[in-house]
N, C-alpha and C. Protein backbone atom coordinates (compact mmCIF):
# COMPACT_ATOMS: atom_id res chain seq x y z
N UNK A 1 18.74 1.61 -2.75
CA UNK A 1 17.46 1.23 -2.19
C UNK A 1 17.20 -0.23 -2.52
N UNK A 2 16.76 -0.99 -1.56
CA UNK A 2 16.54 -2.41 -1.79
C UNK A 2 15.24 -2.62 -2.57
N UNK A 3 15.11 -3.82 -3.14
CA UNK A 3 13.89 -4.14 -3.91
C UNK A 3 12.66 -4.10 -3.03
N UNK A 4 12.81 -4.48 -1.76
CA UNK A 4 11.70 -4.48 -0.83
C UNK A 4 11.14 -3.06 -0.65
N UNK A 5 12.01 -2.07 -0.55
CA UNK A 5 11.58 -0.69 -0.38
C UNK A 5 11.01 -0.12 -1.67
N UNK A 6 11.51 -0.53 -2.81
CA UNK A 6 11.04 -0.02 -4.08
C UNK A 6 9.60 -0.43 -4.37
N UNK A 7 9.16 -1.54 -3.85
CA UNK A 7 7.82 -2.05 -4.12
C UNK A 7 6.85 -1.70 -2.99
N UNK A 8 7.15 -0.65 -2.24
CA UNK A 8 6.32 -0.24 -1.13
C UNK A 8 5.71 1.13 -1.43
N UNK A 9 4.42 1.26 -1.20
CA UNK A 9 3.72 2.53 -1.36
C UNK A 9 3.34 3.01 0.03
N UNK A 10 3.78 4.20 0.38
CA UNK A 10 3.47 4.79 1.67
C UNK A 10 2.28 5.74 1.49
N UNK A 11 1.18 5.46 2.14
CA UNK A 11 -0.04 6.24 2.01
C UNK A 11 0.04 7.45 2.94
N UNK A 12 -0.26 8.62 2.37
CA UNK A 12 -0.23 9.86 3.14
C UNK A 12 -1.47 10.69 2.88
N UNK A 13 -1.27 11.99 2.73
CA UNK A 13 -2.39 12.93 2.61
C UNK A 13 -2.85 13.19 1.18
N UNK A 14 -2.17 12.67 0.19
CA UNK A 14 -2.56 12.89 -1.20
C UNK A 14 -3.86 12.15 -1.51
N UNK A 15 -4.52 12.51 -2.62
CA UNK A 15 -5.75 11.81 -3.00
C UNK A 15 -5.51 10.33 -3.30
N UNK A 16 -6.53 9.53 -3.08
CA UNK A 16 -6.46 8.08 -3.27
C UNK A 16 -5.98 7.70 -4.66
N UNK A 17 -6.44 8.41 -5.68
CA UNK A 17 -6.10 8.06 -7.06
C UNK A 17 -4.60 8.17 -7.33
N UNK A 18 -3.92 9.08 -6.66
CA UNK A 18 -2.47 9.20 -6.83
C UNK A 18 -1.77 7.88 -6.47
N UNK A 19 -2.18 7.29 -5.36
CA UNK A 19 -1.56 6.05 -4.90
C UNK A 19 -1.99 4.87 -5.78
N UNK A 20 -3.23 4.88 -6.25
CA UNK A 20 -3.70 3.82 -7.14
C UNK A 20 -2.91 3.84 -8.45
N UNK A 21 -2.62 5.01 -8.97
CA UNK A 21 -1.82 5.11 -10.21
C UNK A 21 -0.40 4.61 -10.01
N UNK A 22 0.16 4.82 -8.83
CA UNK A 22 1.49 4.28 -8.54
C UNK A 22 1.45 2.76 -8.55
N UNK A 23 0.41 2.18 -7.95
CA UNK A 23 0.26 0.71 -7.94
C UNK A 23 0.10 0.17 -9.35
N UNK A 24 -0.70 0.84 -10.17
CA UNK A 24 -0.89 0.41 -11.56
C UNK A 24 0.43 0.48 -12.32
N UNK A 25 1.20 1.53 -12.08
CA UNK A 25 2.50 1.66 -12.73
C UNK A 25 3.42 0.50 -12.31
N UNK A 26 3.44 0.18 -11.03
CA UNK A 26 4.26 -0.95 -10.56
C UNK A 26 3.86 -2.24 -11.26
N UNK A 27 2.55 -2.53 -11.27
CA UNK A 27 2.07 -3.77 -11.84
C UNK A 27 2.29 -3.87 -13.34
N UNK A 28 2.02 -2.80 -14.08
CA UNK A 28 2.02 -2.87 -15.53
C UNK A 28 3.33 -2.48 -16.20
N UNK A 29 3.98 -1.45 -15.71
CA UNK A 29 5.15 -0.94 -16.42
C UNK A 29 6.47 -1.39 -15.82
N UNK A 30 6.46 -1.72 -14.55
CA UNK A 30 7.69 -2.20 -13.92
C UNK A 30 7.65 -3.70 -13.67
N UNK A 31 6.57 -4.35 -14.11
CA UNK A 31 6.40 -5.81 -14.03
C UNK A 31 6.63 -6.36 -12.62
N UNK A 32 6.12 -5.65 -11.65
CA UNK A 32 6.19 -6.10 -10.26
C UNK A 32 4.94 -6.93 -9.98
N UNK A 33 5.11 -8.08 -9.37
CA UNK A 33 3.97 -8.94 -9.06
C UNK A 33 3.40 -8.68 -7.67
N UNK A 34 4.22 -8.09 -6.78
CA UNK A 34 3.81 -7.92 -5.40
C UNK A 34 4.13 -6.50 -4.93
N UNK A 35 3.16 -5.89 -4.24
CA UNK A 35 3.33 -4.53 -3.72
C UNK A 35 2.95 -4.53 -2.25
N UNK A 36 3.70 -3.76 -1.46
CA UNK A 36 3.35 -3.54 -0.06
C UNK A 36 2.80 -2.13 0.06
N UNK A 37 1.70 -2.00 0.77
CA UNK A 37 1.07 -0.72 1.01
C UNK A 37 1.12 -0.47 2.51
N UNK A 38 1.73 0.66 2.90
CA UNK A 38 1.88 0.97 4.32
C UNK A 38 1.19 2.29 4.64
N UNK A 39 0.55 2.34 5.81
CA UNK A 39 -0.11 3.55 6.27
C UNK A 39 -0.10 3.59 7.79
N UNK A 40 -0.20 4.81 8.32
CA UNK A 40 -0.26 5.00 9.77
C UNK A 40 -1.45 5.88 10.12
N UNK A 41 -1.98 5.67 11.32
CA UNK A 41 -3.01 6.53 11.87
C UNK A 41 -4.26 6.61 11.01
N UNK A 42 -4.69 7.84 10.74
CA UNK A 42 -5.94 8.05 10.01
C UNK A 42 -5.85 7.65 8.54
N UNK A 43 -4.65 7.42 8.03
CA UNK A 43 -4.49 7.01 6.63
C UNK A 43 -4.69 5.52 6.41
N UNK A 44 -4.91 4.77 7.48
CA UNK A 44 -5.17 3.33 7.36
C UNK A 44 -6.42 3.09 6.51
N UNK A 45 -7.44 3.89 6.70
CA UNK A 45 -8.68 3.76 5.92
C UNK A 45 -8.40 3.95 4.44
N UNK A 46 -7.54 4.90 4.12
CA UNK A 46 -7.23 5.18 2.72
C UNK A 46 -6.48 4.00 2.09
N UNK A 47 -5.62 3.34 2.86
CA UNK A 47 -4.88 2.18 2.34
C UNK A 47 -5.85 1.04 2.01
N UNK A 48 -6.80 0.79 2.90
CA UNK A 48 -7.79 -0.26 2.66
C UNK A 48 -8.66 0.11 1.46
N UNK A 49 -9.07 1.37 1.38
CA UNK A 49 -9.87 1.82 0.25
C UNK A 49 -9.13 1.65 -1.07
N UNK A 50 -7.82 1.92 -1.06
CA UNK A 50 -7.04 1.79 -2.29
C UNK A 50 -6.99 0.34 -2.77
N UNK A 51 -6.81 -0.60 -1.84
CA UNK A 51 -6.78 -2.01 -2.22
C UNK A 51 -8.12 -2.41 -2.81
N UNK A 52 -9.21 -1.99 -2.20
CA UNK A 52 -10.54 -2.33 -2.71
C UNK A 52 -10.79 -1.66 -4.06
N UNK A 53 -10.33 -0.44 -4.24
CA UNK A 53 -10.47 0.25 -5.51
C UNK A 53 -9.73 -0.49 -6.62
N UNK A 54 -8.50 -0.91 -6.35
CA UNK A 54 -7.73 -1.67 -7.34
C UNK A 54 -8.42 -2.99 -7.68
N UNK A 55 -8.97 -3.65 -6.67
CA UNK A 55 -9.63 -4.93 -6.88
C UNK A 55 -10.92 -4.76 -7.69
N UNK A 56 -11.68 -3.75 -7.40
CA UNK A 56 -12.98 -3.57 -8.08
C UNK A 56 -12.85 -2.97 -9.47
N UNK A 57 -11.87 -2.11 -9.69
CA UNK A 57 -11.80 -1.38 -10.95
C UNK A 57 -10.79 -1.97 -11.95
N UNK A 58 -9.70 -2.54 -11.48
CA UNK A 58 -8.62 -2.92 -12.39
C UNK A 58 -8.20 -4.39 -12.34
N UNK A 59 -8.06 -4.94 -11.15
CA UNK A 59 -7.50 -6.29 -11.00
C UNK A 59 -8.48 -7.18 -10.25
N UNK A 60 -9.35 -7.86 -10.99
CA UNK A 60 -10.35 -8.72 -10.37
C UNK A 60 -9.72 -9.90 -9.62
N UNK A 61 -8.52 -10.31 -10.06
CA UNK A 61 -7.83 -11.44 -9.43
C UNK A 61 -6.82 -11.00 -8.37
N UNK A 62 -6.94 -9.78 -7.87
CA UNK A 62 -6.00 -9.27 -6.88
C UNK A 62 -6.02 -10.15 -5.64
N UNK A 63 -4.86 -10.54 -5.18
CA UNK A 63 -4.74 -11.44 -4.04
C UNK A 63 -4.19 -10.67 -2.86
N UNK A 64 -4.86 -10.78 -1.73
CA UNK A 64 -4.36 -10.23 -0.48
C UNK A 64 -3.41 -11.26 0.10
N UNK A 65 -2.13 -11.00 -0.01
CA UNK A 65 -1.13 -12.00 0.37
C UNK A 65 -0.81 -11.95 1.86
N UNK A 66 -0.76 -10.75 2.42
CA UNK A 66 -0.41 -10.63 3.84
C UNK A 66 -0.99 -9.34 4.38
N UNK A 67 -1.31 -9.34 5.66
CA UNK A 67 -1.84 -8.17 6.33
C UNK A 67 -1.22 -8.11 7.72
N UNK A 68 -0.53 -7.02 8.00
CA UNK A 68 0.10 -6.84 9.31
C UNK A 68 -0.43 -5.57 9.95
N UNK A 69 -0.86 -5.68 11.19
CA UNK A 69 -1.29 -4.54 11.98
C UNK A 69 -0.35 -4.45 13.17
N UNK A 70 0.20 -3.26 13.38
CA UNK A 70 1.19 -3.10 14.44
C UNK A 70 1.24 -1.65 14.89
N UNK A 71 2.05 -1.37 15.90
CA UNK A 71 2.25 -0.01 16.38
C UNK A 71 3.68 0.42 16.09
N UNK A 72 3.81 1.68 15.70
CA UNK A 72 5.14 2.26 15.50
C UNK A 72 5.35 3.34 16.54
N UNK A 73 6.57 3.46 17.02
CA UNK A 73 6.89 4.53 17.95
C UNK A 73 7.46 5.70 17.16
N UNK A 74 6.84 6.87 17.36
CA UNK A 74 7.24 8.08 16.66
C UNK A 74 7.51 9.15 17.70
N UNK A 75 8.59 9.89 17.51
CA UNK A 75 8.88 10.97 18.45
C UNK A 75 8.56 12.32 17.82
N UNK A 76 8.05 13.22 18.62
CA UNK A 76 7.75 14.56 18.13
C UNK A 76 8.97 15.46 18.31
N UNK A 77 8.81 16.75 18.01
CA UNK A 77 9.96 17.66 18.08
C UNK A 77 10.46 17.88 19.51
N UNK A 78 9.63 17.59 20.50
CA UNK A 78 10.05 17.72 21.90
C UNK A 78 10.74 16.46 22.41
N UNK A 79 10.73 15.41 21.62
CA UNK A 79 11.35 14.16 22.03
C UNK A 79 10.40 13.19 22.70
N UNK A 80 9.12 13.55 22.80
CA UNK A 80 8.13 12.64 23.37
C UNK A 80 7.83 11.52 22.38
N UNK A 81 7.75 10.30 22.89
CA UNK A 81 7.49 9.15 22.04
C UNK A 81 6.02 8.78 22.13
N UNK A 82 5.39 8.64 20.95
CA UNK A 82 3.99 8.24 20.86
C UNK A 82 3.91 6.95 20.06
N UNK A 83 2.94 6.13 20.38
CA UNK A 83 2.68 4.91 19.60
C UNK A 83 1.55 5.19 18.64
N UNK A 84 1.77 4.87 17.36
CA UNK A 84 0.77 5.11 16.32
C UNK A 84 0.43 3.78 15.66
N UNK A 85 -0.85 3.52 15.50
CA UNK A 85 -1.30 2.31 14.81
C UNK A 85 -0.87 2.36 13.35
N UNK A 86 -0.44 1.21 12.83
CA UNK A 86 0.04 1.13 11.45
C UNK A 86 -0.48 -0.15 10.81
N UNK A 87 -0.48 -0.14 9.47
CA UNK A 87 -0.91 -1.32 8.72
C UNK A 87 0.02 -1.50 7.53
N UNK A 88 0.28 -2.75 7.19
CA UNK A 88 1.02 -3.08 5.98
C UNK A 88 0.24 -4.17 5.25
N UNK A 89 -0.19 -3.85 4.04
CA UNK A 89 -0.97 -4.77 3.22
C UNK A 89 -0.11 -5.19 2.05
N UNK A 90 0.07 -6.49 1.87
CA UNK A 90 0.82 -7.01 0.74
C UNK A 90 -0.18 -7.60 -0.26
N UNK A 91 -0.11 -7.08 -1.50
CA UNK A 91 -1.03 -7.55 -2.54
C UNK A 91 -0.25 -8.10 -3.71
N UNK A 92 -0.88 -9.04 -4.41
CA UNK A 92 -0.31 -9.65 -5.60
C UNK A 92 -1.36 -9.54 -6.69
N UNK A 93 -0.96 -9.19 -7.91
CA UNK A 93 -1.96 -8.93 -8.95
C UNK A 93 -2.60 -10.20 -9.49
N UNK A 94 -2.13 -11.36 -9.15
CA UNK A 94 -2.74 -12.59 -9.61
C UNK A 94 -2.25 -12.97 -10.98
N UNK A 95 -2.55 -14.18 -11.40
CA UNK A 95 -2.01 -14.72 -12.66
C UNK A 95 -2.79 -14.24 -13.88
N UNK A 96 -4.09 -14.04 -13.76
CA UNK A 96 -4.92 -13.70 -14.92
C UNK A 96 -5.24 -12.22 -15.00
N UNK A 97 -4.45 -11.37 -14.34
CA UNK A 97 -4.74 -9.94 -14.34
C UNK A 97 -4.43 -9.34 -15.71
N UNK A 98 -5.31 -8.48 -16.20
CA UNK A 98 -5.07 -7.86 -17.50
C UNK A 98 -4.00 -6.77 -17.41
N UNK A 99 -3.35 -6.52 -18.51
CA UNK A 99 -2.41 -5.42 -18.59
C UNK A 99 -3.18 -4.23 -19.12
N UNK A 100 -3.13 -3.14 -18.38
CA UNK A 100 -3.92 -1.95 -18.75
C UNK A 100 -3.09 -1.06 -19.67
């Protein structure tokens, strides 16, 4: 697995705190400075909420480095292709972020 994939959190149906704890683990225990957060469809709101939660509760110096909004083509079991809205948020913990 490449380093780019290792620093990516895919947001799904689990509770928000599960994903926030993964981000905290990346920042504090694996010494990663940059994380990508990806979500599709209705989980886009949860991805944005997670970034705001990290910024308000843990990392006051959190930097929004990049934001990409795009469509992904997904096929269902019948082979029909649908376009689904997606988001990728790249965050950096900043220079003065505390270690929790």
